[in-house]
Amino acid sequence: MTLYDIPLRTLSGEPASLAEYRGRAVLLVNVASQCGLTPQYAGLERLQKAYADRGFTVLGVPCNQFAGQEPGSAEEIQTFCSTTYGVTFPLLEKTEVNGEGRHPLYAELTALADADGEAGDVQWNFEKFLISPTGEPVARLRPGTDPDSAELAAAIEAQLPV
Protein backbone atom coordinates (compact mmCIF):
# COMPACT_ATOMS: atom_id res chain seq x y z
CA MET A 1 0.00 0.00 0.00
CA THR A 2 1.18 3.54 -0.73
CA LEU A 3 -0.01 6.87 0.62
CA TYR A 4 -1.98 7.21 -2.63
CA ASP A 5 -4.11 4.19 -1.70
CA ILE A 6 -5.32 5.49 1.66
CA PRO A 7 -8.93 6.74 1.47
CA LEU A 8 -9.45 10.31 2.66
CA ARG A 9 -12.40 12.70 2.78
CA THR A 10 -12.54 16.39 2.00
CA LEU A 11 -13.78 18.82 4.61
CA SER A 12 -17.17 18.71 2.87
CA GLY A 13 -17.25 14.90 3.20
CA GLU A 14 -16.45 13.95 -0.40
CA PRO A 15 -14.17 10.96 -1.06
CA ALA A 16 -10.57 11.95 -1.78
CA SER A 17 -7.05 10.55 -1.82
CA LEU A 18 -3.49 11.75 -2.16
CA ALA A 19 -3.52 10.16 -5.63
CA GLU A 20 -5.23 13.38 -6.76
CA TYR A 21 -1.89 15.08 -6.08
CA ARG A 22 0.31 12.55 -7.86
CA GLY A 23 3.13 14.46 -9.54
CA ARG A 24 2.90 17.34 -7.05
CA ALA A 25 4.80 17.98 -3.83
CA VAL A 26 2.33 18.12 -0.91
CA LEU A 27 2.78 19.71 2.49
CA LEU A 28 0.32 17.95 4.80
CA VAL A 29 -0.35 19.94 7.98
CA ASN A 30 -2.62 19.13 10.91
CA VAL A 31 -4.34 22.43 11.61
CA ALA A 32 -6.51 24.01 14.31
CA SER A 33 -8.47 27.26 14.52
CA GLN A 34 -7.98 28.06 18.21
CA CYS A 35 -4.28 27.42 18.74
CA GLY A 36 -1.41 29.77 19.46
CA LEU A 37 0.06 28.53 16.17
CA THR A 38 -3.12 29.26 14.17
CA PRO A 39 -1.49 32.34 12.56
CA GLN A 40 0.65 29.82 10.63
CA TYR A 41 -2.36 29.57 8.29
CA ALA A 42 -1.19 32.87 6.76
CA GLY A 43 2.27 31.48 6.03
CA LEU A 44 0.82 28.24 4.67
CA GLU A 45 -1.36 30.27 2.29
CA ARG A 46 1.74 32.23 1.19
CA LEU A 47 3.46 28.92 0.41
CA GLN A 48 0.41 27.78 -1.54
CA LYS A 49 0.43 30.95 -3.62
CA ALA A 50 4.21 30.98 -4.11
CA TYR A 51 4.59 27.38 -5.26
CA ALA A 52 1.20 26.21 -6.61
CA ASP A 53 2.14 26.83 -10.24
CA ARG A 54 5.36 24.86 -9.74
CA GLY A 55 3.63 21.63 -8.71
CA PHE A 56 2.99 22.13 -5.00
CA THR A 57 -0.06 21.96 -2.73
CA VAL A 58 -0.63 22.59 0.95
CA LEU A 59 -3.21 20.19 2.34
CA GLY A 60 -4.74 21.08 5.71
CA VAL A 61 -5.98 18.39 8.07
CA PRO A 62 -8.10 19.79 10.92
CA CYS A 63 -7.52 17.96 14.18
CA ASN A 64 -9.19 18.43 17.57
CA GLN A 65 -6.86 16.15 19.56
CA PHE A 66 -4.69 18.88 21.07
CA ALA A 67 -6.49 20.71 23.89
CA GLY A 68 -9.73 20.74 21.88
CA GLN A 69 -8.42 23.56 19.68
CA GLU A 70 -10.46 22.59 16.58
CA PRO A 71 -13.99 22.13 17.95
CA GLY A 72 -15.89 23.56 14.97
CA SER A 73 -18.03 21.87 12.38
CA ALA A 74 -16.76 21.46 8.82
CA GLU A 75 -18.66 24.59 7.79
CA GLU A 76 -17.28 26.60 10.71
CA ILE A 77 -13.72 25.47 9.94
CA GLN A 78 -14.07 26.38 6.25
CA THR A 79 -15.57 29.77 7.03
CA PHE A 80 -12.90 30.56 9.62
CA CYS A 81 -10.04 29.58 7.31
CA SER A 82 -11.31 31.46 4.28
CA THR A 83 -12.48 34.63 6.02
CA THR A 84 -9.72 34.98 8.63
CA TYR A 85 -6.69 33.82 6.63
CA GLY A 86 -7.87 33.73 3.01
CA VAL A 87 -7.09 30.03 2.81
CA THR A 88 -7.45 28.64 -0.71
CA PHE A 89 -5.63 25.33 -0.23
CA PRO A 90 -7.70 22.16 0.23
CA LEU A 91 -8.79 20.98 3.66
CA LEU A 92 -9.60 17.40 4.64
CA GLU A 93 -12.17 16.30 7.20
CA LYS A 94 -11.35 16.52 10.88
CA THR A 95 -8.95 13.66 11.57
CA GLU A 96 -7.28 11.93 14.52
CA VAL A 97 -3.51 11.96 14.11
CA ASN A 98 -2.54 10.07 17.31
CA GLY A 99 -3.85 7.28 19.49
CA GLU A 100 -6.12 4.32 18.86
CA GLY A 101 -8.25 6.27 16.39
CA ARG A 102 -5.21 7.46 14.40
CA HIS A 103 -6.07 7.75 10.71
CA PRO A 104 -4.18 5.25 8.50
CA LEU A 105 -2.50 8.17 6.71
CA TYR A 106 -0.97 9.34 9.97
CA ALA A 107 -0.06 5.77 10.92
CA GLU A 108 2.24 5.88 7.88
CA LEU A 109 3.45 9.47 8.27
CA THR A 110 4.37 9.22 11.96
CA ALA A 111 6.89 6.49 11.13
CA LEU A 112 8.97 9.23 9.45
CA ALA A 113 11.65 10.74 11.67
CA ASP A 114 12.20 14.48 11.97
CA ALA A 115 15.59 16.20 11.55
CA ASP A 116 16.58 15.06 15.06
CA GLY A 117 15.85 11.43 14.19
CA GLU A 118 12.64 11.25 16.22
CA ALA A 119 9.56 9.52 14.82
CA GLY A 120 6.29 8.74 16.60
CA ASP A 121 3.26 10.75 17.61
CA VAL A 122 2.45 14.16 16.22
CA GLN A 123 3.55 16.64 18.89
CA TRP A 124 0.94 19.38 18.43
CA ASN A 125 -1.09 21.32 15.90
CA PHE A 126 0.71 22.48 12.73
CA GLU A 127 3.15 19.59 12.45
CA LYS A 128 4.18 19.35 8.80
CA PHE A 129 4.89 16.39 6.53
CA LEU A 130 6.34 16.96 3.07
CA ILE A 131 5.38 14.34 0.50
CA SER A 132 7.31 13.99 -2.75
CA PRO A 133 5.65 14.07 -6.19
CA THR A 134 5.95 10.26 -6.19
CA GLY A 135 4.00 9.95 -2.92
CA GLU A 136 6.88 9.32 -0.52
CA PRO A 137 7.09 11.15 2.82
CA VAL A 138 10.43 12.97 2.66
CA ALA A 139 10.49 15.49 5.51
CA ARG A 140 8.86 16.02 8.87
CA LEU A 141 8.88 19.45 10.42
CA ARG A 142 7.65 19.98 13.94
CA PRO A 143 4.95 22.52 14.86
CA GLY A 144 7.40 25.29 15.73
CA THR A 145 8.76 25.38 12.18
CA ASP A 146 7.35 28.57 10.71
CA PRO A 147 5.89 28.24 7.20
CA ASP A 148 8.06 31.21 6.18
CA SER A 149 11.28 29.54 7.35
CA ALA A 150 14.23 29.04 5.01
CA GLU A 151 14.35 25.40 6.14
CA LEU A 152 10.83 24.69 4.91
CA ALA A 153 11.31 26.66 1.67
CA ALA A 154 14.46 24.66 0.88
CA ALA A 155 12.71 21.36 1.58
CA ILE A 156 9.79 22.31 -0.68
CA GLU A 157 12.02 23.58 -3.48
CA ALA A 158 13.97 20.31 -3.43
CA GLN A 159 10.72 18.44 -4.16
CA LEU A 160 9.15 20.68 -6.79
CA PRO A 161 8.58 18.81 -10.04
CA VAL A 162 8.44 21.99 -12.18
C-alpha atoms as a PDB file:
ATOM      1  CA  MET A   1       0.000   0.000   0.000  1.00  0.00           C
ATOM      2  CA  THR A   2       1.179   3.542  -0.729  1.00  0.00           C
ATOM      3  CA  LEU A   3      -0.014   6.874   0.617  1.00  0.00           C
ATOM      4  CA  TYR A   4      -1.976   7.211  -2.632  1.00  0.00           C
ATOM      5  CA  ASP A   5      -4.111   4.187  -1.704  1.00  0.00           C
ATOM      6  CA  ILE A   6      -5.325   5.490   1.661  1.00  0.00           C
ATOM      7  CA  PRO A   7      -8.927   6.743   1.472  1.00  0.00           C
ATOM      8  CA  LEU A   8      -9.455  10.306   2.657  1.00  0.00           C
ATOM      9  CA  ARG A   9     -12.397  12.704   2.783  1.00  0.00           C
ATOM     10  CA  THR A  10     -12.544  16.386   2.002  1.00  0.00           C
ATOM     11  CA  LEU A  11     -13.784  18.822   4.607  1.00  0.00           C
ATOM     12  CA  SER A  12     -17.173  18.709   2.875  1.00  0.00           C
ATOM     13  CA  GLY A  13     -17.246  14.898   3.202  1.00  0.00           C
ATOM     14  CA  GLU A  14     -16.448  13.952  -0.400  1.00  0.00           C
ATOM     15  CA  PRO A  15     -14.172  10.957  -1.060  1.00  0.00           C
ATOM     16  CA  ALA A  16     -10.571  11.949  -1.776  1.00  0.00           C
ATOM     17  CA  SER A  17      -7.051  10.549  -1.823  1.00  0.00           C
ATOM     18  CA  LEU A  18      -3.494  11.752  -2.163  1.00  0.00           C
ATOM     19  CA  ALA A  19      -3.521  10.158  -5.628  1.00  0.00           C
ATOM     20  CA  GLU A  20      -5.230  13.378  -6.757  1.00  0.00           C
ATOM     21  CA  TYR A  21      -1.895  15.085  -6.080  1.00  0.00           C
ATOM     22  CA  ARG A  22       0.313  12.547  -7.861  1.00  0.00           C
ATOM     23  CA  GLY A  23       3.128  14.459  -9.541  1.00  0.00           C
ATOM     24  CA  ARG A  24       2.904  17.342  -7.046  1.00  0.00           C
ATOM     25  CA  ALA A  25       4.797  17.978  -3.832  1.00  0.00           C
ATOM     26  CA  VAL A  26       2.334  18.117  -0.915  1.00  0.00           C
ATOM     27  CA  LEU A  27       2.777  19.714   2.490  1.00  0.00           C
ATOM     28  CA  LEU A  28       0.322  17.955   4.796  1.00  0.00           C
ATOM     29  CA  VAL A  29      -0.346  19.941   7.982  1.00  0.00           C
ATOM     30  CA  ASN A  30      -2.621  19.126  10.912  1.00  0.00           C
ATOM     31  CA  VAL A  31      -4.339  22.429  11.612  1.00  0.00           C
ATOM     32  CA  ALA A  32      -6.511  24.008  14.308  1.00  0.00           C
ATOM     33  CA  SER A  33      -8.470  27.258  14.518  1.00  0.00           C
ATOM     34  CA  GLN A  34      -7.983  28.061  18.214  1.00  0.00           C
ATOM     35  CA  CYS A  35      -4.282  27.421  18.743  1.00  0.00           C
ATOM     36  CA  GLY A  36      -1.413  29.772  19.459  1.00  0.00           C
ATOM     37  CA  LEU A  37       0.060  28.535  16.173  1.00  0.00           C
ATOM     38  CA  THR A  38      -3.123  29.258  14.173  1.00  0.00           C
ATOM     39  CA  PRO A  39      -1.494  32.335  12.555  1.00  0.00           C
ATOM     40  CA  GLN A  40       0.645  29.816  10.626  1.00  0.00           C
ATOM     41  CA  TYR A  41      -2.360  29.574   8.293  1.00  0.00           C
ATOM     42  CA  ALA A  42      -1.190  32.871   6.764  1.00  0.00           C
ATOM     43  CA  GLY A  43       2.271  31.480   6.032  1.00  0.00           C
ATOM     44  CA  LEU A  44       0.822  28.242   4.671  1.00  0.00           C
ATOM     45  CA  GLU A  45      -1.361  30.271   2.293  1.00  0.00           C
ATOM     46  CA  ARG A  46       1.737  32.233   1.192  1.00  0.00           C
ATOM     47  CA  LEU A  47       3.462  28.917   0.411  1.00  0.00           C
ATOM     48  CA  GLN A  48       0.413  27.778  -1.542  1.00  0.00           C
ATOM     49  CA  LYS A  49       0.426  30.953  -3.620  1.00  0.00           C
ATOM     50  CA  ALA A  50       4.209  30.978  -4.111  1.00  0.00           C
ATOM     51  CA  TYR A  51       4.588  27.378  -5.263  1.00  0.00           C
ATOM     52  CA  ALA A  52       1.201  26.206  -6.608  1.00  0.00           C
ATOM     53  CA  ASP A  53       2.141  26.829 -10.236  1.00  0.00           C
ATOM     54  CA  ARG A  54       5.357  24.857  -9.737  1.00  0.00           C
ATOM     55  CA  GLY A  55       3.634  21.627  -8.708  1.00  0.00           C
ATOM     56  CA  PHE A  56       2.995  22.131  -4.998  1.00  0.00           C
ATOM     57  CA  THR A  57      -0.059  21.961  -2.726  1.00  0.00           C
ATOM     58  CA  VAL A  58      -0.628  22.591   0.953  1.00  0.00           C
ATOM     59  CA  LEU A  59      -3.208  20.187   2.345  1.00  0.00           C
ATOM     60  CA  GLY A  60      -4.740  21.082   5.714  1.00  0.00           C
ATOM     61  CA  VAL A  61      -5.979  18.387   8.074  1.00  0.00           C
ATOM     62  CA  PRO A  62      -8.098  19.792  10.917  1.00  0.00           C
ATOM     63  CA  CYS A  63      -7.525  17.962  14.184  1.00  0.00           C
ATOM     64  CA  ASN A  64      -9.192  18.425  17.572  1.00  0.00           C
ATOM     65  CA  GLN A  65      -6.857  16.152  19.562  1.00  0.00           C
ATOM     66  CA  PHE A  66      -4.690  18.884  21.070  1.00  0.00           C
ATOM     67  CA  ALA A  67      -6.487  20.710  23.895  1.00  0.00           C
ATOM     68  CA  GLY A  68      -9.734  20.738  21.882  1.00  0.00           C
ATOM     69  CA  GLN A  69      -8.417  23.558  19.681  1.00  0.00           C
ATOM     70  CA  GLU A  70     -10.459  22.592  16.580  1.00  0.00           C
ATOM     71  CA  PRO A  71     -13.987  22.128  17.951  1.00  0.00           C
ATOM     72  CA  GLY A  72     -15.892  23.558  14.973  1.00  0.00           C
ATOM     73  CA  SER A  73     -18.034  21.870  12.380  1.00  0.00           C
ATOM     74  CA  ALA A  74     -16.762  21.460   8.824  1.00  0.00           C
ATOM     75  CA  GLU A  75     -18.664  24.590   7.789  1.00  0.00           C
ATOM     76  CA  GLU A  76     -17.277  26.604  10.715  1.00  0.00           C
ATOM     77  CA  ILE A  77     -13.725  25.472   9.936  1.00  0.00           C
ATOM     78  CA  GLN A  78     -14.071  26.375   6.250  1.00  0.00           C
ATOM     79  CA  THR A  79     -15.569  29.770   7.026  1.00  0.00           C
ATOM     80  CA  PHE A  80     -12.896  30.563   9.623  1.00  0.00           C
ATOM     81  CA  CYS A  81     -10.037  29.580   7.313  1.00  0.00           C
ATOM     82  CA  SER A  82     -11.307  31.460   4.282  1.00  0.00           C
ATOM     83  CA  THR A  83     -12.481  34.634   6.020  1.00  0.00           C
ATOM     84  CA  THR A  84      -9.715  34.975   8.626  1.00  0.00           C
ATOM     85  CA  TYR A  85      -6.693  33.815   6.628  1.00  0.00           C
ATOM     86  CA  GLY A  86      -7.874  33.732   3.013  1.00  0.00           C
ATOM     87  CA  VAL A  87      -7.088  30.025   2.808  1.00  0.00           C
ATOM     88  CA  THR A  88      -7.448  28.640  -0.705  1.00  0.00           C
ATOM     89  CA  PHE A  89      -5.633  25.333  -0.229  1.00  0.00           C
ATOM     90  CA  PRO A  90      -7.698  22.160   0.232  1.00  0.00           C
ATOM     91  CA  LEU A  91      -8.794  20.976   3.664  1.00  0.00           C
ATOM     92  CA  LEU A  92      -9.603  17.402   4.637  1.00  0.00           C
ATOM     93  CA  GLU A  93     -12.172  16.299   7.197  1.00  0.00           C
ATOM     94  CA  LYS A  94     -11.351  16.518  10.881  1.00  0.00           C
ATOM     95  CA  THR A  95      -8.947  13.660  11.572  1.00  0.00           C
ATOM     96  CA  GLU A  96      -7.276  11.932  14.516  1.00  0.00           C
ATOM     97  CA  VAL A  97      -3.509  11.964  14.115  1.00  0.00           C
ATOM     98  CA  ASN A  98      -2.538  10.072  17.306  1.00  0.00           C
ATOM     99  CA  GLY A  99      -3.851   7.276  19.494  1.00  0.00           C
ATOM    100  CA  GLU A 100      -6.121   4.317  18.857  1.00  0.00           C
ATOM    101  CA  GLY A 101      -8.249   6.268  16.386  1.00  0.00           C
ATOM    102  CA  ARG A 102      -5.215   7.458  14.396  1.00  0.00           C
ATOM    103  CA  HIS A 103      -6.075   7.747  10.709  1.00  0.00           C
ATOM    104  CA  PRO A 104      -4.181   5.247   8.502  1.00  0.00           C
ATOM    105  CA  LEU A 105      -2.499   8.168   6.707  1.00  0.00           C
ATOM    106  CA  TYR A 106      -0.974   9.339   9.967  1.00  0.00           C
ATOM    107  CA  ALA A 107      -0.059   5.771  10.917  1.00  0.00           C
ATOM    108  CA  GLU A 108       2.242   5.878   7.876  1.00  0.00           C
ATOM    109  CA  LEU A 109       3.446   9.467   8.270  1.00  0.00           C
ATOM    110  CA  THR A 110       4.366   9.224  11.957  1.00  0.00           C
ATOM    111  CA  ALA A 111       6.888   6.491  11.126  1.00  0.00           C
ATOM    112  CA  LEU A 112       8.969   9.227   9.455  1.00  0.00           C
ATOM    113  CA  ALA A 113      11.646  10.744  11.667  1.00  0.00           C
ATOM    114  CA  ASP A 114      12.196  14.479  11.969  1.00  0.00           C
ATOM    115  CA  ALA A 115      15.594  16.205  11.551  1.00  0.00           C
ATOM    116  CA  ASP A 116      16.577  15.063  15.063  1.00  0.00           C
ATOM    117  CA  GLY A 117      15.850  11.427  14.188  1.00  0.00           C
ATOM    118  CA  GLU A 118      12.639  11.250  16.219  1.00  0.00           C
ATOM    119  CA  ALA A 119       9.559   9.518  14.824  1.00  0.00           C
ATOM    120  CA  GLY A 120       6.289   8.742  16.600  1.00  0.00           C
ATOM    121  CA  ASP A 121       3.261  10.754  17.614  1.00  0.00           C
ATOM    122  CA  VAL A 122       2.453  14.165  16.215  1.00  0.00           C
ATOM    123  CA  GLN A 123       3.551  16.643  18.895  1.00  0.00           C
ATOM    124  CA  TRP A 124       0.937  19.383  18.433  1.00  0.00           C
ATOM    125  CA  ASN A 125      -1.087  21.325  15.898  1.00  0.00           C
ATOM    126  CA  PHE A 126       0.712  22.477  12.726  1.00  0.00           C
ATOM    127  CA  GLU A 127       3.152  19.585  12.448  1.00  0.00           C
ATOM    128  CA  LYS A 128       4.180  19.353   8.802  1.00  0.00           C
ATOM    129  CA  PHE A 129       4.889  16.392   6.533  1.00  0.00           C
ATOM    130  CA  LEU A 130       6.343  16.964   3.072  1.00  0.00           C
ATOM    131  CA  ILE A 131       5.383  14.343   0.500  1.00  0.00           C
ATOM    132  CA  SER A 132       7.306  13.987  -2.754  1.00  0.00           C
ATOM    133  CA  PRO A 133       5.653  14.069  -6.185  1.00  0.00           C
ATOM    134  CA  THR A 134       5.955  10.261  -6.189  1.00  0.00           C
ATOM    135  CA  GLY A 135       3.999   9.951  -2.919  1.00  0.00           C
ATOM    136  CA  GLU A 136       6.877   9.324  -0.523  1.00  0.00           C
ATOM    137  CA  PRO A 137       7.085  11.152   2.815  1.00  0.00           C
ATOM    138  CA  VAL A 138      10.431  12.975   2.656  1.00  0.00           C
ATOM    139  CA  ALA A 139      10.491  15.493   5.509  1.00  0.00           C
ATOM    140  CA  ARG A 140       8.861  16.019   8.869  1.00  0.00           C
ATOM    141  CA  LEU A 141       8.877  19.453  10.421  1.00  0.00           C
ATOM    142  CA  ARG A 142       7.648  19.978  13.943  1.00  0.00           C
ATOM    143  CA  PRO A 143       4.949  22.521  14.862  1.00  0.00           C
ATOM    144  CA  GLY A 144       7.398  25.295  15.733  1.00  0.00           C
ATOM    145  CA  THR A 145       8.756  25.379  12.182  1.00  0.00           C
ATOM    146  CA  ASP A 146       7.355  28.568  10.708  1.00  0.00           C
ATOM    147  CA  PRO A 147       5.894  28.238   7.204  1.00  0.00           C
ATOM    148  CA  ASP A 148       8.056  31.210   6.180  1.00  0.00           C
ATOM    149  CA  SER A 149      11.282  29.542   7.351  1.00  0.00           C
ATOM    150  CA  ALA A 150      14.228  29.043   5.005  1.00  0.00           C
ATOM    151  CA  GLU A 151      14.350  25.401   6.138  1.00  0.00           C
ATOM    152  CA  LEU A 152      10.829  24.690   4.908  1.00  0.00           C
ATOM    153  CA  ALA A 153      11.313  26.658   1.673  1.00  0.00           C
ATOM    154  CA  ALA A 154      14.458  24.662   0.878  1.00  0.00           C
ATOM    155  CA  ALA A 155      12.706  21.359   1.581  1.00  0.00           C
ATOM    156  CA  ILE A 156       9.786  22.311  -0.677  1.00  0.00           C
ATOM    157  CA  GLU A 157      12.018  23.579  -3.476  1.00  0.00           C
ATOM    158  CA  ALA A 158      13.969  20.306  -3.427  1.00  0.00           C
ATOM    159  CA  GLN A 159      10.720  18.437  -4.158  1.00  0.00           C
ATOM    160  CA  LEU A 160       9.148  20.685  -6.785  1.00  0.00           C
ATOM    161  CA  PRO A 161       8.576  18.815 -10.040  1.00  0.00           C
ATOM    162  CA  VAL A 162       8.445  21.994 -12.178  1.00  0.00           C
END
